[in-house]
Amino acid sequence: MSPSAALLVTSSPYSVPAHPEITPPRSAPTDPHGAVATPSGIAPLAPQRALRPVLVLEDDAAVAATICTALTRDGWNTVTAATLAEGRLRLHSDNPRIVIADLGLPDGNGIAFVREAAGCTDLGIIVVSGRTEEVDRVIGLEVGADDYLTKPFSLRAMVARIRALSRRLDANLAAGAVDPPLATNPTQPLPLPIAEPASWSLAGLCLQPSRFRIQTAQGTETRLTGGEAGLLNLLLTVPENLADRDTIAGRVLGRRLLPEQRGVDQLASNLRQKLVAASAGRITITALRGKGYRLVW
């Protein structure tokens, strides 16, 4: 990985030297009560945020260690993988809550991994890459990522986005689905949740955003990413099935919409393609100038 793919660590609680001079962070000393020693004294450890870990797929060991340290201090469990092959094994053996995936890996393109991971139930995906071209961002989101961060980036921003993504996953599961059990065979996809959440029947399709899927009457299933499921749930529940871009950005993407950001439009396009394909054109999402996006059937 080139130095241009370095992390920019801004002034934050997670400050460490910037790459390429970065050094793997050392474990912070603790007192007998489990607090971490900091320059300003003893600060209590953050509460554990989830039993399921964050998988960090990154071939640069120093960068991976820095990300893991920031997440651990925020209360997350973490596991790491440095190759596509190891990432696939970790994906199914550790059942992560969220994946942070670099695209430049020694044994292949991380896009393939993102596409595969997007088919797993109740999994959030954040791409972290030194590729700054808009087409790379669009491709990353189109194949199933929920968010895209370009290097260099702030660790504080990364942690904030992980928190927001986790909240969206929780909201999507609030209808009654449970976390999927661990898969023991890395060649098989993670099993679906057991509990049956609320669903909608429209134009011959069974729409189940809280289970991250849409299904035909014949049983053919189309998987949804966390962002796609959140948008579908929003459009199914708002008046007139219409939501403006600011509402989608806030309630689905978890952030304020900026003029240059196209994440909402890309997300709507991705979901539209899946709905049109699954319903043979009977369900779609239309863009209404000045109003937002509407689910139509």
C-alpha atoms as a PDB file:
ATOM      1  CA  MET A   1       0.000   0.000   0.000  1.00  0.00           C
ATOM      2  CA  SER A   2       1.390   3.410  -0.971  1.00  0.00           C
ATOM      3  CA  PRO A   3       1.948   6.222   1.553  1.00  0.00           C
ATOM      4  CA  SER A   4      -0.876   8.118  -0.160  1.00  0.00           C
ATOM      5  CA  ALA A   5      -3.264   5.633   1.415  1.00  0.00           C
ATOM      6  CA  ALA A   6      -2.250   6.823   4.859  1.00  0.00           C
ATOM      7  CA  LEU A   7      -4.540   7.562   7.737  1.00  0.00           C
ATOM      8  CA  LEU A   8      -4.803  11.161   8.842  1.00  0.00           C
ATOM      9  CA  VAL A   9      -5.187  11.078  12.591  1.00  0.00           C
ATOM     10  CA  THR A  10      -6.567  14.405  13.712  1.00  0.00           C
ATOM     11  CA  SER A  11      -6.620  15.736  17.228  1.00  0.00           C
ATOM     12  CA  SER A  12      -8.816  13.234  19.008  1.00  0.00           C
ATOM     13  CA  PRO A  13      -8.857  10.807  21.941  1.00  0.00           C
ATOM     14  CA  TYR A  14      -7.261   8.278  19.591  1.00  0.00           C
ATOM     15  CA  SER A  15      -4.190  10.319  18.614  1.00  0.00           C
ATOM     16  CA  VAL A  16      -1.263   8.252  17.337  1.00  0.00           C
ATOM     17  CA  PRO A  17       1.537   8.990  14.855  1.00  0.00           C
ATOM     18  CA  ALA A  18       0.390   9.359  11.249  1.00  0.00           C
ATOM     19  CA  HIS A  19       1.250   6.771   8.600  1.00  0.00           C
ATOM     20  CA  PRO A  20       3.829   6.058   7.104  1.00  0.00           C
ATOM     21  CA  GLU A  21       5.626   6.872  10.378  1.00  0.00           C
ATOM     22  CA  ILE A  22       2.814   5.140  12.249  1.00  0.00           C
ATOM     23  CA  THR A  23       3.730   2.579  14.861  1.00  0.00           C
ATOM     24  CA  PRO A  24       1.418  -0.111  16.183  1.00  0.00           C
ATOM     25  CA  PRO A  25      -0.208   1.275  19.348  1.00  0.00           C
ATOM     26  CA  ARG A  26       0.789  -0.249  22.647  1.00  0.00           C
ATOM     27  CA  SER A  27      -1.714  -1.491  25.160  1.00  0.00           C
ATOM     28  CA  ALA A  28      -2.610   1.245  27.603  1.00  0.00           C
ATOM     29  CA  PRO A  29      -1.812   0.560  31.271  1.00  0.00           C
ATOM     30  CA  THR A  30      -4.810  -0.098  33.455  1.00  0.00           C
ATOM     31  CA  ASP A  31      -5.547   0.178  37.141  1.00  0.00           C
ATOM     32  CA  PRO A  32      -7.020  -2.738  39.151  1.00  0.00           C
ATOM     33  CA  HIS A  33     -10.548  -1.473  38.430  1.00  0.00           C
ATOM     34  CA  GLY A  34     -10.204  -1.696  34.655  1.00  0.00           C
ATOM     35  CA  ALA A  35      -9.650   1.970  33.846  1.00  0.00           C
ATOM     36  CA  VAL A  36      -7.243   3.108  31.148  1.00  0.00           C
ATOM     37  CA  ALA A  37      -4.400   5.465  31.961  1.00  0.00           C
ATOM     38  CA  THR A  38      -4.577   8.598  29.796  1.00  0.00           C
ATOM     39  CA  PRO A  39      -2.452  11.770  29.740  1.00  0.00           C
ATOM     40  CA  SER A  40      -5.143  13.520  31.785  1.00  0.00           C
ATOM     41  CA  GLY A  41      -5.501  10.741  34.332  1.00  0.00           C
ATOM     42  CA  ILE A  42      -7.601   7.592  34.588  1.00  0.00           C
ATOM     43  CA  ALA A  43     -10.597   7.353  32.278  1.00  0.00           C
ATOM     44  CA  PRO A  44     -13.141   4.544  32.517  1.00  0.00           C
ATOM     45  CA  LEU A  45     -13.248   2.093  29.665  1.00  0.00           C
ATOM     46  CA  ALA A  46     -16.100   2.540  27.198  1.00  0.00           C
ATOM     47  CA  PRO A  47     -18.895  -0.001  27.645  1.00  0.00           C
ATOM     48  CA  GLN A  48     -18.931  -2.963  25.295  1.00  0.00           C
ATOM     49  CA  ARG A  49     -21.057  -1.879  22.332  1.00  0.00           C
ATOM     50  CA  ALA A  50     -21.788  -5.259  20.800  1.00  0.00           C
ATOM     51  CA  LEU A  51     -20.940  -8.892  21.364  1.00  0.00           C
ATOM     52  CA  ARG A  52     -20.372  -9.267  17.625  1.00  0.00           C
ATOM     53  CA  PRO A  53     -17.054  -7.714  16.569  1.00  0.00           C
ATOM     54  CA  VAL A  54     -15.983  -5.254  13.920  1.00  0.00           C
ATOM     55  CA  LEU A  55     -13.948  -6.987  11.207  1.00  0.00           C
ATOM     56  CA  VAL A  56     -11.067  -4.821   9.948  1.00  0.00           C
ATOM     57  CA  LEU A  57      -9.947  -6.022   6.501  1.00  0.00           C
ATOM     58  CA  GLU A  58      -6.686  -4.139   5.934  1.00  0.00           C
ATOM     59  CA  ASP A  59      -3.319  -5.385   4.647  1.00  0.00           C
ATOM     60  CA  ASP A  60      -1.272  -2.646   6.357  1.00  0.00           C
ATOM     61  CA  ALA A  61      -0.678  -3.945   9.879  1.00  0.00           C
ATOM     62  CA  ALA A  62       0.017  -0.494  11.337  1.00  0.00           C
ATOM     63  CA  VAL A  63      -3.168   0.994   9.908  1.00  0.00           C
ATOM     64  CA  ALA A  64      -5.203  -2.003  11.065  1.00  0.00           C
ATOM     65  CA  ALA A  65      -3.750  -1.703  14.573  1.00  0.00           C
ATOM     66  CA  THR A  66      -4.585   1.998  14.722  1.00  0.00           C
ATOM     67  CA  ILE A  67      -8.184   1.400  13.650  1.00  0.00           C
ATOM     68  CA  CYS A  68      -8.578  -1.447  16.136  1.00  0.00           C
ATOM     69  CA  THR A  69      -7.199   0.674  18.974  1.00  0.00           C
ATOM     70  CA  ALA A  70      -9.689   3.458  18.253  1.00  0.00           C
ATOM     71  CA  LEU A  71     -12.571   0.992  18.123  1.00  0.00           C
ATOM     72  CA  THR A  72     -11.492  -0.830  21.269  1.00  0.00           C
ATOM     73  CA  ARG A  73     -11.391   2.465  23.166  1.00  0.00           C
ATOM     74  CA  ASP A  74     -14.925   3.120  21.951  1.00  0.00           C
ATOM     75  CA  GLY A  75     -16.088  -0.208  23.354  1.00  0.00           C
ATOM     76  CA  TRP A  76     -15.965  -2.482  20.286  1.00  0.00           C
ATOM     77  CA  ASN A  77     -14.518  -5.945  19.939  1.00  0.00           C
ATOM     78  CA  THR A  78     -12.368  -6.266  16.834  1.00  0.00           C
ATOM     79  CA  VAL A  79     -10.899  -8.959  14.590  1.00  0.00           C
ATOM     80  CA  THR A  80      -8.528  -8.398  11.687  1.00  0.00           C
ATOM     81  CA  ALA A  81      -7.763  -9.907   8.305  1.00  0.00           C
ATOM     82  CA  ALA A  82      -5.022  -8.940   5.851  1.00  0.00           C
ATOM     83  CA  THR A  83      -6.157 -10.813   2.731  1.00  0.00           C
ATOM     84  CA  LEU A  84      -9.357 -11.618   0.885  1.00  0.00           C
ATOM     85  CA  ALA A  85      -9.044 -15.283   1.818  1.00  0.00           C
ATOM     86  CA  GLU A  86      -8.629 -14.504   5.511  1.00  0.00           C
ATOM     87  CA  GLY A  87     -11.439 -11.946   5.346  1.00  0.00           C
ATOM     88  CA  ARG A  88     -13.851 -14.533   3.950  1.00  0.00           C
ATOM     89  CA  LEU A  89     -12.978 -16.954   6.737  1.00  0.00           C
ATOM     90  CA  ARG A  90     -13.393 -14.263   9.393  1.00  0.00           C
ATOM     91  CA  LEU A  91     -16.682 -13.139   7.878  1.00  0.00           C
ATOM     92  CA  HIS A  92     -18.271 -16.519   8.523  1.00  0.00           C
ATOM     93  CA  SER A  93     -16.383 -17.727  11.593  1.00  0.00           C
ATOM     94  CA  ASP A  94     -16.618 -14.507  13.661  1.00  0.00           C
ATOM     95  CA  ASN A  95     -20.040 -13.254  12.487  1.00  0.00           C
ATOM     96  CA  PRO A  96     -19.060  -9.562  12.597  1.00  0.00           C
ATOM     97  CA  ARG A  97     -21.512  -6.753  13.221  1.00  0.00           C
ATOM     98  CA  ILE A  98     -19.700  -4.357  10.871  1.00  0.00           C
ATOM     99  CA  VAL A  99     -16.922  -4.782   8.311  1.00  0.00           C
ATOM    100  CA  ILE A 100     -14.345  -2.092   7.559  1.00  0.00           C
ATOM    101  CA  ALA A 101     -12.894  -3.159   4.213  1.00  0.00           C
ATOM    102  CA  ASP A 102      -9.916  -1.792   2.309  1.00  0.00           C
ATOM    103  CA  LEU A 103     -10.113  -2.289  -1.469  1.00  0.00           C
ATOM    104  CA  GLY A 104      -6.409  -2.725  -2.240  1.00  0.00           C
ATOM    105  CA  LEU A 105      -5.553  -6.213  -0.974  1.00  0.00           C
ATOM    106  CA  PRO A 106      -2.601  -8.436  -1.919  1.00  0.00           C
ATOM    107  CA  ASP A 107      -4.687 -11.354  -3.211  1.00  0.00           C
ATOM    108  CA  GLY A 108      -7.438  -9.512  -5.068  1.00  0.00           C
ATOM    109  CA  ASN A 109      -9.839  -6.598  -5.311  1.00  0.00           C
ATOM    110  CA  GLY A 110     -11.789  -5.788  -2.156  1.00  0.00           C
ATOM    111  CA  ILE A 111     -14.849  -4.994  -4.287  1.00  0.00           C
ATOM    112  CA  ALA A 112     -15.419  -8.740  -4.680  1.00  0.00           C
ATOM    113  CA  PHE A 113     -15.388  -9.133  -0.903  1.00  0.00           C
ATOM    114  CA  VAL A 114     -17.854  -6.250  -0.424  1.00  0.00           C
ATOM    115  CA  ARG A 115     -20.206  -7.803  -2.965  1.00  0.00           C
ATOM    116  CA  GLU A 116     -20.110 -11.150  -1.141  1.00  0.00           C
ATOM    117  CA  ALA A 117     -20.449  -9.597   2.319  1.00  0.00           C
ATOM    118  CA  ALA A 118     -23.480  -7.572   1.206  1.00  0.00           C
ATOM    119  CA  GLY A 119     -25.390 -10.860   0.965  1.00  0.00           C
ATOM    120  CA  CYS A 120     -24.997 -11.555   4.689  1.00  0.00           C
ATOM    121  CA  THR A 121     -27.832 -10.838   7.073  1.00  0.00           C
ATOM    122  CA  ASP A 122     -27.612  -7.914   9.527  1.00  0.00           C
ATOM    123  CA  LEU A 123     -24.128  -6.788   8.463  1.00  0.00           C
ATOM    124  CA  GLY A 124     -22.925  -3.227   7.970  1.00  0.00           C
ATOM    125  CA  ILE A 125     -20.128  -2.502   5.494  1.00  0.00           C
ATOM    126  CA  ILE A 126     -17.842   0.534   5.401  1.00  0.00           C
ATOM    127  CA  VAL A 127     -15.265   0.773   2.629  1.00  0.00           C
ATOM    128  CA  VAL A 128     -11.991   2.471   3.568  1.00  0.00           C
ATOM    129  CA  SER A 129      -9.773   3.178   0.581  1.00  0.00           C
ATOM    130  CA  GLY A 130      -7.091   5.429  -0.819  1.00  0.00           C
ATOM    131  CA  ARG A 131      -9.031   5.552  -4.089  1.00  0.00           C
ATOM    132  CA  THR A 132     -10.510   9.034  -4.266  1.00  0.00           C
ATOM    133  CA  GLU A 133     -12.177   9.043  -7.695  1.00  0.00           C
ATOM    134  CA  GLU A 134     -15.962   9.384  -7.644  1.00  0.00           C
ATOM    135  CA  VAL A 135     -16.346   6.252  -9.766  1.00  0.00           C
ATOM    136  CA  ASP A 136     -14.640   4.191  -7.036  1.00  0.00           C
ATOM    137  CA  ARG A 137     -17.048   5.526  -4.422  1.00  0.00           C
ATOM    138  CA  VAL A 138     -20.025   4.823  -6.652  1.00  0.00           C
ATOM    139  CA  ILE A 139     -18.874   1.270  -7.358  1.00  0.00           C
ATOM    140  CA  GLY A 140     -18.270   0.614  -3.665  1.00  0.00           C
ATOM    141  CA  LEU A 141     -21.787   1.760  -2.759  1.00  0.00           C
ATOM    142  CA  GLU A 142     -23.340   0.057  -5.755  1.00  0.00           C
ATOM    143  CA  VAL A 143     -22.002  -3.394  -4.882  1.00  0.00           C
ATOM    144  CA  GLY A 144     -23.344  -3.175  -1.349  1.00  0.00           C
ATOM    145  CA  ALA A 145     -21.311  -0.918   0.964  1.00  0.00           C
ATOM    146  CA  ASP A 146     -23.265   1.240   3.407  1.00  0.00           C
ATOM    147  CA  ASP A 147     -20.604   3.958   3.591  1.00  0.00           C
ATOM    148  CA  TYR A 148     -17.286   4.960   1.969  1.00  0.00           C
ATOM    149  CA  LEU A 149     -14.325   6.677   3.614  1.00  0.00           C
ATOM    150  CA  THR A 150     -11.308   7.877   1.636  1.00  0.00           C
ATOM    151  CA  LYS A 151      -7.818   7.949   3.102  1.00  0.00           C
ATOM    152  CA  PRO A 152      -6.593  10.053   4.757  1.00  0.00           C
ATOM    153  CA  PHE A 153      -9.452  10.299   7.241  1.00  0.00           C
ATOM    154  CA  SER A 154     -10.150  11.148  10.853  1.00  0.00           C
ATOM    155  CA  LEU A 155     -10.471   8.312  13.341  1.00  0.00           C
ATOM    156  CA  ARG A 156     -13.095  10.340  15.158  1.00  0.00           C
ATOM    157  CA  ALA A 157     -15.186  10.502  11.967  1.00  0.00           C
ATOM    158  CA  MET A 158     -14.733   6.783  11.384  1.00  0.00           C
ATOM    159  CA  VAL A 159     -15.933   5.913  14.886  1.00  0.00           C
ATOM    160  CA  ALA A 160     -18.914   8.250  14.524  1.00  0.00           C
ATOM    161  CA  ARG A 161     -19.936   6.593  11.265  1.00  0.00           C
ATOM    162  CA  ILE A 162     -19.640   3.132  12.805  1.00  0.00           C
ATOM    163  CA  ARG A 163     -21.909   4.211  15.650  1.00  0.00           C
ATOM    164  CA  ALA A 164     -24.441   5.618  13.175  1.00  0.00           C
ATOM    165  CA  LEU A 165     -24.362   2.442  11.071  1.00  0.00           C
ATOM    166  CA  SER A 166     -24.860   0.299  14.166  1.00  0.00           C
ATOM    167  CA  ARG A 167     -27.895   2.381  15.147  1.00  0.00           C
ATOM    168  CA  ARG A 168     -29.392   1.858  11.686  1.00  0.00           C
ATOM    169  CA  LEU A 169     -28.866  -1.892  11.956  1.00  0.00           C
ATOM    170  CA  ASP A 170     -30.562  -1.887  15.361  1.00  0.00           C
ATOM    171  CA  ALA A 171     -33.499   0.066  13.956  1.00  0.00           C
ATOM    172  CA  ASN A 172     -33.904  -2.362  11.061  1.00  0.00           C
ATOM    173  CA  LEU A 173     -34.002  -5.288  13.485  1.00  0.00           C
ATOM    174  CA  ALA A 174     -36.430  -3.624  15.892  1.00  0.00           C
ATOM    175  CA  ALA A 175     -39.402  -5.289  14.192  1.00  0.00           C
ATOM    176  CA  GLY A 176     -38.497  -8.588  15.829  1.00  0.00           C
ATOM    177  CA  ALA A 177     -35.587 -10.190  14.006  1.00  0.00           C
ATOM    178  CA  VAL A 178     -32.746 -11.572  16.116  1.00  0.00           C
ATOM    179  CA  ASP A 179     -29.030 -11.693  15.483  1.00  0.00           C
ATOM    180  CA  PRO A 180     -28.143 -14.631  13.223  1.00  0.00           C
ATOM    181  CA  PRO A 181     -26.235 -17.503  14.829  1.00  0.00           C
ATOM    182  CA  LEU A 182     -22.630 -18.082  13.884  1.00  0.00           C
ATOM    183  CA  ALA A 183     -21.903 -19.993  10.707  1.00  0.00           C
ATOM    184  CA  THR A 184     -19.317 -22.739  11.074  1.00  0.00           C
ATOM    185  CA  ASN A 185     -18.821 -23.499   7.374  1.00  0.00           C
ATOM    186  CA  PRO A 186     -17.005 -20.581   5.652  1.00  0.00           C
ATOM    187  CA  THR A 187     -18.277 -21.744   2.249  1.00  0.00           C
ATOM    188  CA  GLN A 188     -21.909 -21.185   3.252  1.00  0.00           C
ATOM    189  CA  PRO A 189     -23.671 -17.854   3.810  1.00  0.00           C
ATOM    190  CA  LEU A 190     -24.710 -16.811   7.286  1.00  0.00           C
ATOM    191  CA  PRO A 191     -28.181 -18.161   8.198  1.00  0.00           C
ATOM    192  CA  LEU A 192     -31.140 -15.831   8.343  1.00  0.00           C
ATOM    193  CA  PRO A 193     -32.691 -14.719  11.644  1.00  0.00           C
ATOM    194  CA  ILE A 194     -35.232 -17.133  13.088  1.00  0.00           C
ATOM    195  CA  ALA A 195     -37.908 -14.678  14.218  1.00  0.00           C
ATOM    196  CA  GLU A 196     -40.306 -13.440  11.533  1.00  0.00           C
ATOM    197  CA  PRO A 197     -40.479  -9.620  11.419  1.00  0.00           C
ATOM    198  CA  ALA A 198     -43.173  -7.461   9.882  1.00  0.00           C
ATOM    199  CA  SER A 199     -43.477  -7.635   6.094  1.00  0.00           C
ATOM    200  CA  TRP A 200     -45.348  -5.976   3.250  1.00  0.00           C
ATOM    201  CA  SER A 201     -46.910  -7.696   0.231  1.00  0.00           C
ATOM    202  CA  LEU A 202     -46.839  -5.511  -2.879  1.00  0.00           C
ATOM    203  CA  ALA A 203     -47.224  -6.492  -6.540  1.00  0.00           C
ATOM    204  CA  GLY A 204     -46.381 -10.114  -5.892  1.00  0.00           C
ATOM    205  CA  LEU A 205     -43.354  -9.378  -3.705  1.00  0.00           C
ATOM    206  CA  CYS A 206     -42.851  -9.906   0.019  1.00  0.00           C
ATOM    207  CA  LEU A 207     -40.847  -6.947   1.293  1.00  0.00           C
ATOM    208  CA  GLN A 208     -38.979  -7.576   4.563  1.00  0.00           C
ATOM    209  CA  PRO A 209     -36.558  -4.698   5.213  1.00  0.00           C
ATOM    210  CA  SER A 210     -35.902  -5.799   8.796  1.00  0.00           C
ATOM    211  CA  ARG A 211     -34.631  -9.094   7.380  1.00  0.00           C
ATOM    212  CA  PHE A 212     -32.668  -7.317   4.645  1.00  0.00           C
ATOM    213  CA  ARG A 213     -34.493  -9.034   1.793  1.00  0.00           C
ATOM    214  CA  ILE A 214     -37.263  -8.983  -0.779  1.00  0.00           C
ATOM    215  CA  GLN A 215     -38.807 -12.244  -1.950  1.00  0.00           C
ATOM    216  CA  THR A 216     -40.985 -13.323  -4.870  1.00  0.00           C
ATOM    217  CA  ALA A 217     -43.989 -15.614  -4.561  1.00  0.00           C
ATOM    218  CA  GLN A 218     -41.806 -18.373  -6.013  1.00  0.00           C
ATOM    219  CA  GLY A 219     -39.285 -17.942  -3.204  1.00  0.00           C
ATOM    220  CA  THR A 220     -36.564 -16.142  -5.157  1.00  0.00           C
ATOM    221  CA  GLU A 221     -34.751 -13.876  -2.721  1.00  0.00           C
ATOM    222  CA  THR A 222     -32.910 -10.607  -3.297  1.00  0.00           C
ATOM    223  CA  ARG A 223     -30.624  -9.462  -0.509  1.00  0.00           C
ATOM    224  CA  LEU A 224     -30.525  -5.829   0.645  1.00  0.00           C
ATOM    225  CA  THR A 225     -27.692  -3.903   2.231  1.00  0.00           C
ATOM    226  CA  GLY A 226     -28.306  -2.127   5.516  1.00  0.00           C
ATOM    227  CA  GLY A 227     -28.767   1.194   3.734  1.00  0.00           C
ATOM    228  CA  GLU A 228     -31.140  -0.258   1.131  1.00  0.00           C
ATOM    229  CA  ALA A 229     -33.208  -1.945   3.835  1.00  0.00           C
ATOM    230  CA  GLY A 230     -33.381   1.290   5.808  1.00  0.00           C
ATOM    231  CA  LEU A 231     -34.534   3.256   2.772  1.00  0.00           C
ATOM    232  CA  LEU A 232     -37.143   0.641   1.863  1.00  0.00           C
ATOM    233  CA  ASN A 233     -38.495   0.639   5.413  1.00  0.00           C
ATOM    234  CA  LEU A 234     -38.677   4.442   5.379  1.00  0.00           C
ATOM    235  CA  LEU A 235     -40.539   4.590   2.049  1.00  0.00           C
ATOM    236  CA  LEU A 236     -42.979   1.919   3.188  1.00  0.00           C
ATOM    237  CA  THR A 237     -43.895   3.796   6.362  1.00  0.00           C
ATOM    238  CA  VAL A 238     -43.896   7.519   5.498  1.00  0.00           C
ATOM    239  CA  PRO A 239     -47.066   9.295   4.247  1.00  0.00           C
ATOM    240  CA  GLU A 240     -47.637   8.851   0.503  1.00  0.00           C
ATOM    241  CA  ASN A 241     -44.513   6.657   0.429  1.00  0.00           C
ATOM    242  CA  LEU A 242     -42.528   9.837  -0.251  1.00  0.00           C
ATOM    243  CA  ALA A 243     -39.372  11.014   1.558  1.00  0.00           C
ATOM    244  CA  ASP A 244     -37.176  14.011   0.769  1.00  0.00           C
ATOM    245  CA  ARG A 245     -33.406  13.692   0.454  1.00  0.00           C
ATOM    246  CA  ASP A 246     -32.695  15.395   3.804  1.00  0.00           C
ATOM    247  CA  THR A 247     -34.984  12.947   5.617  1.00  0.00           C
ATOM    248  CA  ILE A 248     -33.341   9.988   3.903  1.00  0.00           C
ATOM    249  CA  ALA A 249     -29.875  11.282   4.753  1.00  0.00           C
ATOM    250  CA  GLY A 250     -30.750  11.805   8.406  1.00  0.00           C
ATOM    251  CA  ARG A 251     -32.833   8.711   9.082  1.00  0.00           C
ATOM    252  CA  VAL A 252     -31.101   6.194   6.813  1.00  0.00           C
ATOM    253  CA  LEU A 253     -27.519   7.386   6.369  1.00  0.00           C
ATOM    254  CA  GLY A 254     -27.314   8.949   9.826  1.00  0.00           C
ATOM    255  CA  ARG A 255     -25.785  12.252   8.736  1.00  0.00           C
ATOM    256  CA  ARG A 256     -26.661  15.703   7.451  1.00  0.00           C
ATOM    257  CA  LEU A 257     -26.890  15.967   3.683  1.00  0.00           C
ATOM    258  CA  LEU A 258     -24.230  18.139   2.040  1.00  0.00           C
ATOM    259  CA  PRO A 259     -24.716  19.643  -1.443  1.00  0.00           C
ATOM    260  CA  GLU A 260     -21.896  17.671  -3.067  1.00  0.00           C
ATOM    261  CA  GLN A 261     -22.857  14.319  -1.586  1.00  0.00           C
ATOM    262  CA  ARG A 262     -24.646  11.839  -3.848  1.00  0.00           C
ATOM    263  CA  GLY A 263     -25.017   8.991  -1.361  1.00  0.00           C
ATOM    264  CA  VAL A 264     -28.814   9.348  -1.154  1.00  0.00           C
ATOM    265  CA  ASP A 265     -29.184   9.298  -4.929  1.00  0.00           C
ATOM    266  CA  GLN A 266     -26.904   6.281  -5.303  1.00  0.00           C
ATOM    267  CA  LEU A 267     -28.735   4.454  -2.531  1.00  0.00           C
ATOM    268  CA  ALA A 268     -32.108   5.118  -4.168  1.00  0.00           C
ATOM    269  CA  SER A 269     -30.727   3.971  -7.527  1.00  0.00           C
ATOM    270  CA  ASN A 270     -29.386   0.729  -6.038  1.00  0.00           C
ATOM    271  CA  LEU A 271     -32.693  -0.074  -4.343  1.00  0.00           C
ATOM    272  CA  ARG A 272     -34.668   0.844  -7.467  1.00  0.00           C
ATOM    273  CA  GLN A 273     -32.649  -1.602  -9.575  1.00  0.00           C
ATOM    274  CA  LYS A 274     -33.288  -4.450  -7.144  1.00  0.00           C
ATOM    275  CA  LEU A 275     -37.011  -3.709  -6.839  1.00  0.00           C
ATOM    276  CA  VAL A 276     -37.502  -3.411 -10.597  1.00  0.00           C
ATOM    277  CA  ALA A 277     -35.597  -6.627 -11.279  1.00  0.00           C
ATOM    278  CA  ALA A 278     -37.388  -8.621  -8.568  1.00  0.00           C
ATOM    279  CA  SER A 279     -40.876  -7.362  -9.494  1.00  0.00           C
ATOM    280  CA  ALA A 280     -40.438  -7.392 -13.286  1.00  0.00           C
ATOM    281  CA  GLY A 281     -40.978  -3.630 -13.296  1.00  0.00           C
ATOM    282  CA  ARG A 282     -44.112  -3.539 -11.149  1.00  0.00           C
ATOM    283  CA  ILE A 283     -42.398  -1.794  -8.218  1.00  0.00           C
ATOM    284  CA  THR A 284     -39.989   1.098  -8.610  1.00  0.00           C
ATOM    285  CA  ILE A 285     -38.711   4.271  -6.963  1.00  0.00           C
ATOM    286  CA  THR A 286     -39.282   7.561  -8.751  1.00  0.00           C
ATOM    287  CA  ALA A 287     -37.425  10.818  -8.226  1.00  0.00           C
ATOM    288  CA  LEU A 288     -39.665  13.869  -7.849  1.00  0.00           C
ATOM    289  CA  ARG A 289     -37.903  17.182  -8.407  1.00  0.00           C
ATOM    290  CA  GLY A 290     -37.822  19.210  -5.224  1.00  0.00           C
ATOM    291  CA  LYS A 291     -39.702  16.542  -3.258  1.00  0.00           C
ATOM    292  CA  GLY A 292     -37.484  13.483  -2.986  1.00  0.00           C
ATOM    293  CA  TYR A 293     -38.082   9.812  -3.717  1.00  0.00           C
ATOM    294  CA  ARG A 294     -41.362   7.879  -3.809  1.00  0.00           C
ATOM    295  CA  LEU A 295     -42.037   4.146  -3.756  1.00  0.00           C
ATOM    296  CA  VAL A 296     -44.483   3.362  -6.598  1.00  0.00           C
ATOM    297  CA  TRP A 297     -46.349   0.160  -7.455  1.00  0.00           C
END
